[in-house]
Amino acid sequence: MAERRVIVFPPGEGGGRRVQVDSETLGTAHSLHDLSVFLERAGLEGLDVVDLVNSPLIEWLGGGPEVWEH
């Protein structure tokens, strides 16, 4: 199975970051917990906070995993 691509977009005006897996937008995450829930629902299970922060699978745009507000 091909590796999936996760993109976490820069924070929006109201806070939170849009999350996309492959070409599907999953929603707006406001924390690492939100991101992990979205990814689990998309079938990417077993990722803990350390995995989310360090995973080469995730492309962080407009700031890293510590940035959630605009």
Protein backbone atom coordinates (compact mmCIF):
# COMPACT_ATOMS: atom_id res chain seq x y z
CA MET A 1 0.00 0.00 0.00
CA ALA A 2 1.33 3.44 -0.90
CA GLU A 3 2.23 5.83 1.87
CA ARG A 4 -0.43 8.46 2.48
CA ARG A 5 0.29 12.18 2.47
CA VAL A 6 -0.93 14.33 5.36
CA ILE A 7 -0.87 18.12 5.07
CA VAL A 8 -1.54 20.41 8.02
CA PHE A 9 -2.18 23.87 6.62
CA PRO A 10 -1.27 27.19 8.29
CA PRO A 11 -3.60 28.46 11.03
CA GLY A 12 -6.71 30.22 9.77
CA GLU A 13 -8.05 33.59 10.86
CA GLY A 14 -10.26 31.99 13.52
CA GLY A 15 -7.58 29.59 14.72
CA GLY A 16 -7.15 25.94 13.94
CA ARG A 17 -5.49 24.29 10.98
CA ARG A 18 -7.10 22.54 8.01
CA VAL A 19 -6.04 18.90 7.74
CA GLN A 20 -5.87 17.04 4.45
CA VAL A 21 -5.03 13.39 3.81
CA ASP A 22 -4.18 12.72 0.19
CA SER A 23 -6.77 14.93 -1.56
CA GLU A 24 -9.49 14.74 1.12
CA THR A 25 -9.98 17.55 3.65
CA LEU A 26 -10.78 16.02 7.03
CA GLY A 27 -11.61 19.20 8.93
CA THR A 28 -10.02 21.89 11.08
CA ALA A 29 -7.85 20.74 13.98
CA HIS A 30 -7.28 23.01 16.97
CA SER A 31 -4.75 20.75 18.72
CA LEU A 32 -2.60 17.66 18.30
CA HIS A 33 -5.43 15.68 19.88
CA ASP A 34 -7.84 16.85 17.15
CA LEU A 35 -5.27 15.93 14.51
CA SER A 36 -4.84 12.43 15.95
CA VAL A 37 -8.64 11.91 15.95
CA PHE A 38 -8.92 13.00 12.29
CA LEU A 39 -6.07 10.71 11.27
CA GLU A 40 -7.49 7.76 13.18
CA ARG A 41 -10.84 8.23 11.41
CA ALA A 42 -8.94 8.29 8.09
CA GLY A 43 -7.43 4.89 8.91
CA LEU A 44 -4.05 6.11 10.15
CA GLU A 45 -4.22 4.48 13.56
CA GLY A 46 -1.66 4.17 16.30
CA LEU A 47 -0.06 7.61 15.98
CA ASP A 48 0.67 9.17 19.36
CA VAL A 49 1.67 12.81 19.97
CA VAL A 50 5.37 12.05 19.46
CA ASP A 51 4.57 10.38 16.14
CA LEU A 52 2.53 13.39 15.02
CA VAL A 53 5.33 15.81 15.86
CA ASN A 54 8.12 13.77 14.25
CA SER A 55 6.42 11.87 11.44
CA PRO A 56 7.81 12.32 7.93
CA LEU A 57 4.27 11.46 6.79
CA ILE A 58 3.01 14.88 7.97
CA GLU A 59 3.83 18.09 6.13
CA TRP A 60 3.42 21.12 8.41
CA LEU A 61 2.78 24.36 6.50
CA GLY A 62 2.98 27.76 8.17
CA GLY A 63 4.47 26.54 11.43
CA GLY A 64 5.12 23.31 13.23
CA PRO A 65 2.99 21.26 15.60
CA GLU A 66 3.17 23.91 18.33
CA VAL A 67 1.37 26.55 16.19
CA TRP A 68 -2.45 26.48 16.26
CA GLU A 69 -3.43 30.16 16.33
CA HIS A 70 -3.10 32.76 13.55
